[in-house]
Amino acid sequence: MELLPILIDIEDKLLPYFHCDIWERGLYYYLFRQTHLKGNESATIPLSSIATALGCSEWQARKSVRQLAQKGCIELEQTRKGHKVKVLLPNQLGIPDISNEKVDVDIESLDFFSNRIYVEALLDRENHQCFYCLRKITDENCELDHVIPLVGGGSNNYTNIVASCHRCNTIKQGNSAEQHIRQLYRNNLLDENEFNSRLKAIEDLKNGRLKPSL
């Protein structure tokens, strides 16, 4: 195995192409070490060992394993002894060579909800605060919320998906974003300035003025 070209392709092709976050990057390299660098096609690894290697919770480790599998970077089989993982290399994934060309991303066509692929971009847009109550949130504890529910005609577009805390995501349910903001204000969870800023943020969001940076 020629290691250097593979590592270059991982950094320049695989990780950018699949929009891997920091946990997925660390996990891919850890699994790569446990398989290809040891001369094994696959490896069975307990979730606890993955969490220890990444320095994260088992919840985060499980989430990252599932996301890498959903993106097609690994093949996954759950066994009684742990996750049986086969790591696919860049040349096995049919990744186009985009190193020398600029790729124009049509943000209007992107799905910002499924698989949490763009959660970091949404968190950056929201300044790592709940879109509704302004509570501090992280990738690990935030929820993705539809401002207008899908059953009410909403979409997975960036104009309808926000990062929120678990409490707001649970309480809001089928209410409109404006109704939820007013309830937070009535419960003294927002002051007047925050209340007005949230109403304006909802208006800006719906009008496409809050584009996340990709």
N, C-alpha and C. Protein backbone atom coordinates (compact mmCIF):
# COMPACT_ATOMS: atom_id res chain seq x y z
N MET A 1 0.84 -1.20 0.00
CA MET A 1 0.00 0.00 0.00
C MET A 1 0.87 1.26 0.00
N GLU A 2 0.65 2.14 -0.96
CA GLU A 2 1.36 3.42 -0.97
C GLU A 2 0.56 4.40 -0.12
N LEU A 3 1.06 4.65 1.07
CA LEU A 3 0.29 5.39 2.06
C LEU A 3 0.12 6.87 1.72
N LEU A 4 1.17 7.52 1.25
CA LEU A 4 1.11 8.97 1.03
C LEU A 4 0.03 9.37 0.03
N PRO A 5 -0.07 8.73 -1.16
CA PRO A 5 -1.15 9.11 -2.09
C PRO A 5 -2.54 8.89 -1.50
N ILE A 6 -2.69 7.85 -0.68
CA ILE A 6 -3.99 7.58 -0.07
C ILE A 6 -4.35 8.69 0.91
N LEU A 7 -3.37 9.09 1.74
CA LEU A 7 -3.63 10.15 2.71
C LEU A 7 -3.95 11.48 2.02
N ILE A 8 -3.26 11.74 0.91
CA ILE A 8 -3.54 12.97 0.16
C ILE A 8 -4.96 12.94 -0.39
N ASP A 9 -5.37 11.78 -0.93
CA ASP A 9 -6.73 11.66 -1.47
C ASP A 9 -7.78 11.76 -0.37
N ILE A 10 -7.47 11.24 0.82
CA ILE A 10 -8.41 11.36 1.94
C ILE A 10 -8.62 12.82 2.29
N GLU A 11 -7.52 13.57 2.39
CA GLU A 11 -7.61 14.99 2.78
C GLU A 11 -8.19 15.86 1.67
N ASP A 12 -7.75 15.63 0.44
CA ASP A 12 -8.12 16.52 -0.66
C ASP A 12 -9.43 16.13 -1.35
N LYS A 13 -9.83 14.87 -1.23
CA LYS A 13 -11.01 14.41 -1.95
C LYS A 13 -12.12 13.94 -1.01
N LEU A 14 -11.83 12.85 -0.26
CA LEU A 14 -12.89 12.20 0.52
C LEU A 14 -13.51 13.11 1.57
N LEU A 15 -12.70 13.69 2.44
CA LEU A 15 -13.25 14.49 3.54
C LEU A 15 -14.00 15.73 3.05
N PRO A 16 -13.46 16.49 2.07
CA PRO A 16 -14.24 17.64 1.57
C PRO A 16 -15.48 17.22 0.80
N TYR A 17 -15.38 16.16 0.00
CA TYR A 17 -16.51 15.74 -0.84
C TYR A 17 -17.71 15.34 0.00
N PHE A 18 -17.45 14.65 1.12
CA PHE A 18 -18.55 14.19 1.97
C PHE A 18 -18.85 15.14 3.12
N HIS A 19 -18.22 16.32 3.12
CA HIS A 19 -18.47 17.34 4.14
C HIS A 19 -18.34 16.75 5.55
N CYS A 20 -17.27 16.03 5.79
CA CYS A 20 -17.06 15.38 7.08
C CYS A 20 -16.73 16.41 8.16
N ASP A 21 -17.43 16.30 9.30
CA ASP A 21 -17.13 17.20 10.41
C ASP A 21 -15.93 16.66 11.18
N ILE A 22 -15.55 17.34 12.26
CA ILE A 22 -14.32 17.00 12.97
C ILE A 22 -14.39 15.60 13.57
N TRP A 23 -15.58 15.19 14.04
CA TRP A 23 -15.73 13.85 14.62
C TRP A 23 -15.62 12.78 13.54
N GLU A 24 -16.21 13.03 12.40
CA GLU A 24 -16.16 12.06 11.30
C GLU A 24 -14.74 11.92 10.76
N ARG A 25 -14.01 13.02 10.71
CA ARG A 25 -12.62 12.98 10.27
C ARG A 25 -11.79 12.09 11.19
N GLY A 26 -11.90 12.37 12.50
CA GLY A 26 -11.15 11.58 13.47
C GLY A 26 -11.53 10.12 13.43
N LEU A 27 -12.82 9.85 13.29
CA LEU A 27 -13.30 8.47 13.24
C LEU A 27 -12.78 7.75 12.00
N TYR A 28 -12.83 8.42 10.85
CA TYR A 28 -12.35 7.77 9.63
C TYR A 28 -10.89 7.36 9.76
N TYR A 29 -10.05 8.27 10.29
CA TYR A 29 -8.64 7.95 10.44
C TYR A 29 -8.42 6.83 11.47
N TYR A 30 -9.21 6.84 12.52
CA TYR A 30 -9.09 5.78 13.54
C TYR A 30 -9.45 4.43 12.92
N LEU A 31 -10.54 4.38 12.19
CA LEU A 31 -10.96 3.12 11.57
C LEU A 31 -9.99 2.69 10.46
N PHE A 32 -9.44 3.67 9.75
CA PHE A 32 -8.43 3.39 8.72
C PHE A 32 -7.21 2.71 9.36
N ARG A 33 -6.84 3.21 10.52
CA ARG A 33 -5.69 2.62 11.24
C ARG A 33 -5.99 1.20 11.69
N GLN A 34 -7.22 0.98 12.18
CA GLN A 34 -7.58 -0.34 12.70
C GLN A 34 -7.79 -1.38 11.60
N THR A 35 -7.92 -0.94 10.37
CA THR A 35 -8.15 -1.87 9.26
C THR A 35 -6.98 -1.89 8.29
N HIS A 36 -6.92 -0.93 7.41
CA HIS A 36 -5.92 -0.95 6.34
C HIS A 36 -4.48 -0.93 6.86
N LEU A 37 -4.19 -0.12 7.87
CA LEU A 37 -2.82 -0.04 8.36
C LEU A 37 -2.38 -1.29 9.09
N LYS A 38 -3.36 -2.12 9.49
CA LYS A 38 -3.03 -3.39 10.13
C LYS A 38 -3.18 -4.57 9.16
N GLY A 39 -3.43 -4.24 7.90
CA GLY A 39 -3.54 -5.28 6.90
C GLY A 39 -4.84 -6.06 6.94
N ASN A 40 -5.87 -5.45 7.54
CA ASN A 40 -7.16 -6.13 7.66
C ASN A 40 -8.20 -5.47 6.76
N GLU A 41 -9.06 -6.29 6.16
CA GLU A 41 -10.13 -5.75 5.33
C GLU A 41 -11.21 -5.09 6.18
N SER A 42 -11.43 -5.65 7.38
CA SER A 42 -12.42 -5.11 8.29
C SER A 42 -11.98 -5.34 9.72
N ALA A 43 -12.68 -4.70 10.65
CA ALA A 43 -12.38 -4.86 12.07
C ALA A 43 -13.67 -4.74 12.86
N THR A 44 -13.78 -5.48 13.95
CA THR A 44 -14.93 -5.39 14.84
C THR A 44 -14.50 -4.65 16.09
N ILE A 45 -15.12 -3.49 16.33
CA ILE A 45 -14.68 -2.59 17.39
C ILE A 45 -15.86 -2.21 18.27
N PRO A 46 -15.75 -2.39 19.60
CA PRO A 46 -16.84 -1.96 20.50
C PRO A 46 -17.02 -0.45 20.45
N LEU A 47 -18.24 -0.01 20.63
CA LEU A 47 -18.53 1.42 20.61
C LEU A 47 -17.74 2.15 21.67
N SER A 48 -17.55 1.52 22.83
CA SER A 48 -16.80 2.16 23.92
C SER A 48 -15.36 2.45 23.51
N SER A 49 -14.77 1.55 22.71
CA SER A 49 -13.39 1.77 22.25
C SER A 49 -13.32 2.93 21.27
N ILE A 50 -14.34 3.05 20.43
CA ILE A 50 -14.38 4.17 19.49
C ILE A 50 -14.51 5.49 20.25
N ALA A 51 -15.41 5.52 21.25
CA ALA A 51 -15.59 6.74 22.04
C ALA A 51 -14.31 7.13 22.76
N THR A 52 -13.61 6.14 23.31
CA THR A 52 -12.35 6.41 24.01
C THR A 52 -11.31 6.96 23.07
N ALA A 53 -11.22 6.37 21.88
CA ALA A 53 -10.22 6.82 20.90
C ALA A 53 -10.49 8.24 20.44
N LEU A 54 -11.77 8.60 20.29
CA LEU A 54 -12.12 9.94 19.83
C LEU A 54 -12.18 10.95 20.96
N GLY A 55 -12.24 10.46 22.21
CA GLY A 55 -12.37 11.36 23.35
C GLY A 55 -13.73 12.01 23.41
N CYS A 56 -14.77 11.22 23.13
CA CYS A 56 -16.12 11.76 23.11
C CYS A 56 -17.08 10.78 23.80
N SER A 57 -18.34 11.16 23.88
CA SER A 57 -19.35 10.29 24.46
C SER A 57 -19.70 9.16 23.50
N GLU A 58 -20.30 8.10 24.02
CA GLU A 58 -20.74 7.01 23.16
C GLU A 58 -21.84 7.49 22.22
N TRP A 59 -22.65 8.46 22.69
CA TRP A 59 -23.70 9.02 21.82
C TRP A 59 -23.08 9.66 20.59
N GLN A 60 -22.01 10.46 20.80
CA GLN A 60 -21.35 11.11 19.67
C GLN A 60 -20.67 10.08 18.77
N ALA A 61 -20.04 9.07 19.39
CA ALA A 61 -19.37 8.04 18.61
C ALA A 61 -20.37 7.28 17.74
N ARG A 62 -21.52 6.92 18.32
CA ARG A 62 -22.54 6.20 17.56
C ARG A 62 -23.06 7.06 16.40
N LYS A 63 -23.27 8.34 16.69
CA LYS A 63 -23.77 9.24 15.65
C LYS A 63 -22.78 9.35 14.49
N SER A 64 -21.50 9.48 14.81
CA SER A 64 -20.48 9.64 13.77
C SER A 64 -20.33 8.36 12.95
N VAL A 65 -20.42 7.21 13.61
CA VAL A 65 -20.35 5.94 12.89
C VAL A 65 -21.50 5.83 11.90
N ARG A 66 -22.69 6.17 12.35
CA ARG A 66 -23.86 6.09 11.48
C ARG A 66 -23.76 7.06 10.32
N GLN A 67 -23.25 8.26 10.59
CA GLN A 67 -23.16 9.26 9.52
C GLN A 67 -22.13 8.85 8.46
N LEU A 68 -20.99 8.29 8.90
CA LEU A 68 -20.01 7.83 7.92
C LEU A 68 -20.59 6.70 7.08
N ALA A 69 -21.38 5.83 7.71
CA ALA A 69 -22.01 4.74 6.98
C ALA A 69 -23.04 5.27 5.99
N GLN A 70 -23.84 6.26 6.42
CA GLN A 70 -24.86 6.84 5.54
C GLN A 70 -24.22 7.54 4.35
N LYS A 71 -23.05 8.13 4.56
CA LYS A 71 -22.37 8.81 3.46
C LYS A 71 -21.66 7.84 2.54
N GLY A 72 -21.54 6.58 2.97
CA GLY A 72 -20.92 5.57 2.13
C GLY A 72 -19.42 5.43 2.32
N CYS A 73 -18.85 6.10 3.32
CA CYS A 73 -17.40 6.03 3.55
C CYS A 73 -16.99 4.71 4.20
N ILE A 74 -17.91 4.08 4.91
CA ILE A 74 -17.64 2.80 5.54
C ILE A 74 -18.83 1.87 5.31
N GLU A 75 -18.55 0.58 5.38
CA GLU A 75 -19.62 -0.42 5.40
C GLU A 75 -19.73 -0.92 6.83
N LEU A 76 -20.94 -1.00 7.33
CA LEU A 76 -21.15 -1.23 8.76
C LEU A 76 -22.06 -2.42 8.99
N GLU A 77 -21.65 -3.25 9.95
CA GLU A 77 -22.49 -4.37 10.39
C GLU A 77 -22.40 -4.44 11.91
N GLN A 78 -23.54 -4.42 12.58
CA GLN A 78 -23.55 -4.48 14.04
C GLN A 78 -23.56 -5.94 14.49
N THR A 79 -22.65 -6.28 15.41
CA THR A 79 -22.56 -7.62 15.96
C THR A 79 -22.59 -7.53 17.49
N ARG A 80 -22.64 -8.67 18.13
CA ARG A 80 -22.66 -8.67 19.59
C ARG A 80 -21.35 -8.15 20.18
N LYS A 81 -20.28 -8.26 19.42
CA LYS A 81 -18.97 -7.82 19.90
C LYS A 81 -18.69 -6.35 19.57
N GLY A 82 -19.56 -5.72 18.80
CA GLY A 82 -19.35 -4.33 18.45
C GLY A 82 -19.66 -4.07 16.99
N HIS A 83 -19.18 -2.95 16.49
CA HIS A 83 -19.40 -2.57 15.09
C HIS A 83 -18.35 -3.24 14.21
N LYS A 84 -18.80 -4.05 13.25
CA LYS A 84 -17.88 -4.60 12.25
C LYS A 84 -17.81 -3.60 11.11
N VAL A 85 -16.63 -3.07 10.89
CA VAL A 85 -16.47 -1.94 9.97
C VAL A 85 -15.49 -2.28 8.85
N LYS A 86 -15.88 -1.93 7.64
CA LYS A 86 -14.98 -1.98 6.49
C LYS A 86 -14.83 -0.55 5.98
N VAL A 87 -13.59 -0.07 5.92
CA VAL A 87 -13.32 1.30 5.50
C VAL A 87 -13.05 1.35 4.00
N LEU A 88 -13.82 2.17 3.30
CA LEU A 88 -13.63 2.33 1.86
C LEU A 88 -12.67 3.47 1.59
N LEU A 89 -11.75 3.25 0.67
CA LEU A 89 -10.76 4.26 0.32
C LEU A 89 -11.31 5.18 -0.78
N PRO A 90 -10.70 6.36 -0.94
CA PRO A 90 -11.21 7.31 -1.94
C PRO A 90 -11.35 6.71 -3.34
N ASN A 91 -10.39 5.86 -3.74
CA ASN A 91 -10.47 5.30 -5.10
C ASN A 91 -11.55 4.24 -5.24
N GLN A 92 -12.18 3.84 -4.13
CA GLN A 92 -13.29 2.89 -4.18
C GLN A 92 -14.65 3.58 -4.18
N LEU A 93 -14.65 4.90 -4.04
CA LEU A 93 -15.90 5.63 -3.85
C LEU A 93 -16.31 6.44 -5.08
N GLY A 94 -15.50 6.44 -6.11
CA GLY A 94 -15.86 7.17 -7.33
C GLY A 94 -15.95 8.67 -7.13
N ILE A 95 -15.08 9.22 -6.30
CA ILE A 95 -15.10 10.66 -6.02
C ILE A 95 -14.50 11.42 -7.20
N PRO A 96 -15.21 12.40 -7.76
CA PRO A 96 -14.65 13.16 -8.88
C PRO A 96 -13.48 14.02 -8.44
N ASP A 97 -12.56 14.27 -9.35
CA ASP A 97 -11.40 15.11 -9.05
C ASP A 97 -11.82 16.57 -9.14
N ILE A 98 -11.95 17.21 -7.98
CA ILE A 98 -12.38 18.61 -7.94
C ILE A 98 -11.26 19.52 -7.43
N SER A 99 -10.04 18.98 -7.35
CA SER A 99 -8.94 19.73 -6.75
C SER A 99 -8.55 20.96 -7.56
N ASN A 100 -8.77 20.89 -8.90
CA ASN A 100 -8.33 22.00 -9.74
C ASN A 100 -9.48 22.79 -10.34
N GLU A 101 -10.66 22.58 -9.81
CA GLU A 101 -11.78 23.33 -10.36
C GLU A 101 -12.65 23.86 -9.24
N LYS A 102 -13.24 24.98 -9.46
CA LYS A 102 -14.11 25.60 -8.48
C LYS A 102 -15.51 25.03 -8.65
N VAL A 103 -16.07 24.57 -7.56
CA VAL A 103 -17.40 23.98 -7.61
C VAL A 103 -18.42 24.99 -7.10
N ASP A 104 -19.38 25.30 -7.93
CA ASP A 104 -20.44 26.22 -7.54
C ASP A 104 -21.56 25.42 -6.87
N VAL A 105 -21.84 25.75 -5.63
CA VAL A 105 -22.86 25.03 -4.87
C VAL A 105 -24.17 25.79 -4.97
N ASP A 106 -25.20 25.09 -5.42
CA ASP A 106 -26.54 25.68 -5.49
C ASP A 106 -27.19 25.50 -4.12
N ILE A 107 -27.03 26.49 -3.26
CA ILE A 107 -27.51 26.38 -1.89
C ILE A 107 -29.02 26.22 -1.82
N GLU A 108 -29.71 26.72 -2.82
CA GLU A 108 -31.18 26.63 -2.81
C GLU A 108 -31.66 25.19 -2.94
N SER A 109 -30.84 24.31 -3.50
CA SER A 109 -31.26 22.93 -3.74
C SER A 109 -30.80 21.97 -2.64
N LEU A 110 -30.04 22.47 -1.66
CA LEU A 110 -29.47 21.59 -0.64
C LEU A 110 -30.49 21.23 0.43
N ASP A 111 -30.36 20.02 0.94
CA ASP A 111 -31.19 19.51 2.04
C ASP A 111 -30.44 19.76 3.34
N PHE A 112 -30.92 20.71 4.14
CA PHE A 112 -30.23 21.09 5.38
C PHE A 112 -30.71 20.30 6.60
N PHE A 113 -31.61 19.34 6.38
CA PHE A 113 -32.14 18.59 7.51
C PHE A 113 -31.63 17.15 7.56
N SER A 114 -31.72 16.45 6.47
CA SER A 114 -31.39 15.02 6.45
C SER A 114 -29.92 14.77 6.78
N ASN A 115 -29.69 13.82 7.68
CA ASN A 115 -28.36 13.36 8.07
C ASN A 115 -27.49 14.42 8.75
N ARG A 116 -28.07 15.60 9.02
CA ARG A 116 -27.34 16.66 9.75
C ARG A 116 -26.01 17.01 9.06
N ILE A 117 -25.96 16.91 7.75
CA ILE A 117 -24.72 17.17 7.02
C ILE A 117 -24.24 18.61 7.20
N TYR A 118 -25.18 19.56 7.25
CA TYR A 118 -24.80 20.97 7.31
C TYR A 118 -25.06 21.59 8.68
N VAL A 119 -25.04 20.75 9.72
CA VAL A 119 -25.36 21.26 11.06
C VAL A 119 -24.35 22.32 11.51
N GLU A 120 -23.07 22.14 11.16
CA GLU A 120 -22.06 23.12 11.58
C GLU A 120 -22.31 24.47 10.91
N ALA A 121 -22.70 24.45 9.65
CA ALA A 121 -22.99 25.70 8.94
C ALA A 121 -24.17 26.42 9.59
N LEU A 122 -25.18 25.66 10.01
CA LEU A 122 -26.34 26.26 10.67
C LEU A 122 -25.97 26.80 12.05
N LEU A 123 -25.14 26.06 12.79
CA LEU A 123 -24.69 26.53 14.10
C LEU A 123 -23.89 27.82 13.96
N ASP A 124 -23.03 27.89 12.95
CA ASP A 124 -22.26 29.12 12.72
C ASP A 124 -23.20 30.28 12.40
N ARG A 125 -24.21 30.02 11.58
CA ARG A 125 -25.17 31.07 11.23
C ARG A 125 -25.90 31.57 12.47
N GLU A 126 -26.25 30.65 13.36
CA GLU A 126 -26.98 31.00 14.58
C GLU A 126 -26.05 31.42 15.73
N ASN A 127 -24.74 31.55 15.44
CA ASN A 127 -23.77 31.94 16.46
C ASN A 127 -23.77 30.94 17.62
N HIS A 128 -24.02 29.68 17.30
CA HIS A 128 -24.04 28.59 18.29
C HIS A 128 -25.03 28.88 19.42
N GLN A 129 -26.15 29.50 19.05
CA GLN A 129 -27.24 29.75 19.99
C GLN A 129 -28.54 29.20 19.40
N CYS A 130 -29.44 28.79 20.28
CA CYS A 130 -30.75 28.35 19.82
C CYS A 130 -31.41 29.49 19.04
N PHE A 131 -31.92 29.19 17.87
CA PHE A 131 -32.54 30.21 17.04
C PHE A 131 -33.69 30.90 17.75
N TYR A 132 -34.35 30.19 18.66
CA TYR A 132 -35.54 30.73 19.32
C TYR A 132 -35.24 31.42 20.65
N CYS A 133 -34.57 30.71 21.57
CA CYS A 133 -34.41 31.26 22.92
C CYS A 133 -33.01 31.77 23.20
N LEU A 134 -32.08 31.60 22.25
CA LEU A 134 -30.72 32.10 22.34
C LEU A 134 -29.85 31.36 23.35
N ARG A 135 -30.32 30.21 23.81
CA ARG A 135 -29.50 29.38 24.70
C ARG A 135 -28.32 28.83 23.91
N LYS A 136 -27.15 28.73 24.54
CA LYS A 136 -25.97 28.18 23.88
C LYS A 136 -26.20 26.70 23.55
N ILE A 137 -25.82 26.31 22.34
CA ILE A 137 -25.98 24.93 21.90
C ILE A 137 -24.71 24.48 21.17
N THR A 138 -24.56 23.17 21.05
CA THR A 138 -23.42 22.59 20.35
C THR A 138 -23.92 21.57 19.34
N ASP A 139 -23.01 21.08 18.53
CA ASP A 139 -23.35 20.03 17.56
C ASP A 139 -23.91 18.80 18.28
N GLU A 140 -23.40 18.53 19.48
CA GLU A 140 -23.78 17.33 20.19
C GLU A 140 -25.17 17.41 20.80
N ASN A 141 -25.61 18.61 21.20
CA ASN A 141 -26.91 18.68 21.90
C ASN A 141 -27.99 19.46 21.14
N CYS A 142 -27.66 19.97 19.97
CA CYS A 142 -28.68 20.77 19.26
C CYS A 142 -29.64 19.89 18.46
N GLU A 143 -30.77 20.46 18.15
CA GLU A 143 -31.76 19.81 17.29
C GLU A 143 -31.92 20.65 16.03
N LEU A 144 -32.28 20.00 14.93
CA LEU A 144 -32.63 20.73 13.72
C LEU A 144 -34.14 20.85 13.67
N ASP A 145 -34.64 22.06 13.51
CA ASP A 145 -36.08 22.30 13.63
C ASP A 145 -36.61 22.93 12.34
N HIS A 146 -37.79 22.46 11.93
CA HIS A 146 -38.49 23.06 10.80
C HIS A 146 -39.29 24.26 11.32
N VAL A 147 -38.97 25.44 10.83
CA VAL A 147 -39.73 26.63 11.22
C VAL A 147 -41.19 26.45 10.82
N ILE A 148 -41.41 26.03 9.60
CA ILE A 148 -42.75 25.63 9.15
C ILE A 148 -42.71 24.11 9.01
N PRO A 149 -43.54 23.35 9.76
CA PRO A 149 -43.51 21.89 9.70
C PRO A 149 -43.73 21.38 8.28
N LEU A 150 -43.18 20.21 7.99
CA LEU A 150 -43.36 19.62 6.68
C LEU A 150 -44.83 19.42 6.35
N VAL A 151 -45.62 19.05 7.37
CA VAL A 151 -47.06 18.83 7.13
C VAL A 151 -47.78 20.14 6.83
N GLY A 152 -47.14 21.25 7.17
CA GLY A 152 -47.73 22.55 6.89
C GLY A 152 -47.18 23.19 5.63
N GLY A 153 -46.42 22.41 4.87
CA GLY A 153 -45.90 22.94 3.61
C GLY A 153 -44.45 23.39 3.69
N GLY A 154 -43.80 23.13 4.82
CA GLY A 154 -42.39 23.52 4.97
C GLY A 154 -41.46 22.62 4.18
N SER A 155 -40.20 23.02 4.10
CA SER A 155 -39.21 22.26 3.33
C SER A 155 -37.96 22.05 4.16
N ASN A 156 -36.96 21.40 3.57
CA ASN A 156 -35.66 21.21 4.22
C ASN A 156 -34.64 22.24 3.73
N ASN A 157 -35.15 23.32 3.14
CA ASN A 157 -34.29 24.40 2.64
C ASN A 157 -33.72 25.21 3.82
N TYR A 158 -32.62 25.92 3.56
CA TYR A 158 -32.00 26.72 4.62
C TYR A 158 -32.93 27.82 5.13
N THR A 159 -33.96 28.16 4.36
CA THR A 159 -34.91 29.19 4.79
C THR A 159 -35.95 28.64 5.77
N ASN A 160 -35.86 27.33 6.05
CA ASN A 160 -36.86 26.73 6.93
C ASN A 160 -36.26 25.84 8.00
N ILE A 161 -34.95 25.63 7.99
CA ILE A 161 -34.29 24.78 8.98
C ILE A 161 -33.39 25.64 9.87
N VAL A 162 -33.56 25.48 11.17
CA VAL A 162 -32.73 26.21 12.13
C VAL A 162 -32.18 25.25 13.16
N ALA A 163 -31.12 25.67 13.83
CA ALA A 163 -30.57 24.91 14.95
C ALA A 163 -31.23 25.43 16.23
N SER A 164 -31.74 24.51 17.02
CA SER A 164 -32.43 24.92 18.25
C SER A 164 -32.01 24.02 19.40
N CYS A 165 -32.37 24.45 20.60
CA CYS A 165 -32.13 23.60 21.77
C CYS A 165 -33.22 22.53 21.83
N HIS A 166 -32.97 21.51 22.63
CA HIS A 166 -33.93 20.41 22.73
C HIS A 166 -35.25 20.89 23.31
N ARG A 167 -35.19 21.81 24.27
CA ARG A 167 -36.42 22.30 24.91
C ARG A 167 -37.33 23.00 23.91
N CYS A 168 -36.76 23.90 23.11
CA CYS A 168 -37.59 24.62 22.13
C CYS A 168 -38.13 23.67 21.07
N ASN A 169 -37.29 22.73 20.65
CA ASN A 169 -37.73 21.78 19.64
C ASN A 169 -38.91 20.94 20.15
N THR A 170 -38.89 20.63 21.45
CA THR A 170 -39.95 19.82 22.04
C THR A 170 -41.22 20.63 22.27
N ILE A 171 -41.06 21.85 22.80
CA ILE A 171 -42.21 22.67 23.17
C ILE A 171 -42.91 23.25 21.94
N LYS A 172 -42.15 23.64 20.93
CA LYS A 172 -42.73 24.32 19.76
C LYS A 172 -43.73 23.43 19.05
N GLN A 173 -43.37 22.16 18.83
CA GLN A 173 -44.25 21.20 18.17
C GLN A 173 -44.82 21.78 16.87
N GLY A 174 -46.16 21.82 16.75
CA GLY A 174 -46.78 22.30 15.52
C GLY A 174 -47.05 23.79 15.49
N ASN A 175 -46.66 24.51 16.54
CA ASN A 175 -46.88 25.96 16.56
C ASN A 175 -45.99 26.65 15.53
N SER A 176 -46.40 27.82 15.13
CA SER A 176 -45.55 28.62 14.24
C SER A 176 -44.38 29.16 15.04
N ALA A 177 -43.33 29.55 14.33
CA ALA A 177 -42.17 30.12 15.00
C ALA A 177 -42.55 31.39 15.76
N GLU A 178 -43.42 32.18 15.16
CA GLU A 178 -43.84 33.43 15.81
C GLU A 178 -44.60 33.14 17.11
N GLN A 179 -45.47 32.14 17.08
CA GLN A 179 -46.20 31.77 18.29
C GLN A 179 -45.25 31.30 19.38
N HIS A 180 -44.27 30.52 18.99
CA HIS A 180 -43.30 30.01 19.97
C HIS A 180 -42.50 31.15 20.58
N ILE A 181 -42.08 32.10 19.76
CA ILE A 181 -41.32 33.26 20.26
C ILE A 181 -42.16 34.06 21.25
N ARG A 182 -43.41 34.28 20.93
CA ARG A 182 -44.31 35.02 21.84
C ARG A 182 -44.49 34.29 23.16
N GLN A 183 -44.55 32.95 23.11
CA GLN A 183 -44.69 32.17 24.34
C GLN A 183 -43.43 32.31 25.20
N LEU A 184 -42.27 32.28 24.57
CA LEU A 184 -41.03 32.47 25.31
C LEU A 184 -40.99 33.85 25.97
N TYR A 185 -41.48 34.86 25.26
CA TYR A 185 -41.51 36.22 25.80
C TYR A 185 -42.47 36.31 26.98
N ARG A 186 -43.64 35.69 26.84
CA ARG A 186 -44.61 35.70 27.94
C ARG A 186 -44.08 34.97 29.17
N ASN A 187 -43.24 33.98 28.96
CA ASN A 187 -42.67 33.22 30.08
C ASN A 187 -41.37 33.82 30.60
N ASN A 188 -41.07 35.05 30.14
CA ASN A 188 -39.87 35.78 30.59
C ASN A 188 -38.57 35.05 30.23
N LEU A 189 -38.60 34.29 29.16
CA LEU A 189 -37.38 33.63 28.70
C LEU A 189 -36.67 34.46 27.64
N LEU A 190 -37.33 35.51 27.19
CA LEU A 190 -36.73 36.49 26.29
C LEU A 190 -37.10 37.87 26.80
N ASP A 191 -36.15 38.82 26.75
CA ASP A 191 -36.52 40.19 27.08
C ASP A 191 -37.07 40.86 25.82
N GLU A 192 -37.46 42.11 25.92
CA GLU A 192 -38.12 42.77 24.80
C GLU A 192 -37.22 42.89 23.58
N ASN A 193 -35.95 43.24 23.81
CA ASN A 193 -35.02 43.36 22.68
C ASN A 193 -34.79 42.02 22.00
N GLU A 194 -34.64 40.97 22.81
CA GLU A 194 -34.45 39.63 22.25
C GLU A 194 -35.69 39.18 21.49
N PHE A 195 -36.85 39.49 22.04
CA PHE A 195 -38.11 39.14 21.39
C PHE A 195 -38.20 39.77 20.00
N ASN A 196 -37.90 41.06 19.93
CA ASN A 196 -37.96 41.77 18.64
C ASN A 196 -36.90 41.25 17.67
N SER A 197 -35.72 40.93 18.20
CA SER A 197 -34.65 40.43 17.32
C SER A 197 -35.01 39.06 16.75
N ARG A 198 -35.71 38.25 17.55
CA ARG A 198 -36.11 36.91 17.08
C ARG A 198 -37.20 37.02 16.00
N LEU A 199 -38.12 37.93 16.18
CA LEU A 199 -39.15 38.14 15.15
C LEU A 199 -38.52 38.59 13.84
N LYS A 200 -37.54 39.48 13.94
CA LYS A 200 -36.85 39.94 12.73
C LYS A 200 -36.05 38.80 12.10
N ALA A 201 -35.45 37.96 12.94
CA ALA A 201 -34.67 36.84 12.42
C ALA A 201 -35.57 35.87 11.65
N ILE A 202 -36.78 35.65 12.15
CA ILE A 202 -37.73 34.78 11.45
C ILE A 202 -38.07 35.37 10.08
N GLU A 203 -38.31 36.68 10.06
CA GLU A 203 -38.63 37.35 8.79
C GLU A 203 -37.46 37.25 7.82
N ASP A 204 -36.22 37.51 8.33
CA ASP A 204 -35.04 37.43 7.47
C ASP A 204 -34.83 36.01 6.96
N LEU A 205 -35.07 35.03 7.82
CA LEU A 205 -34.90 33.64 7.43
C LEU A 205 -35.84 33.28 6.28
N LYS A 206 -37.11 33.60 6.44
CA LYS A 206 -38.10 33.24 5.43
C LYS A 206 -37.85 33.94 4.10
N ASN A 207 -37.24 35.12 4.17
CA ASN A 207 -36.97 35.89 2.95
C ASN A 207 -35.60 35.59 2.35
N GLY A 208 -34.93 34.55 2.90
CA GLY A 208 -33.66 34.13 2.32
C GLY A 208 -32.48 35.01 2.63
N ARG A 209 -32.59 35.83 3.68
CA ARG A 209 -31.49 36.74 4.01
C ARG A 209 -30.53 36.15 5.03
N LEU A 210 -30.75 34.92 5.46
CA LEU A 210 -29.86 34.28 6.43
C LEU A 210 -29.23 33.03 5.80
N LYS A 211 -28.45 33.24 4.77
CA LYS A 211 -27.81 32.11 4.10
C LYS A 211 -26.61 31.63 4.92
N PRO A 212 -26.56 30.33 5.24
CA PRO A 212 -25.38 29.80 5.93
C PRO A 212 -24.18 29.78 5.01
N SER A 213 -23.01 29.89 5.58
CA SER A 213 -21.77 29.88 4.79
C SER A 213 -21.26 28.45 4.70
N LEU A 214 -21.09 27.96 3.47
CA LEU A 214 -20.64 26.58 3.25
C LEU A 214 -19.16 26.53 2.91
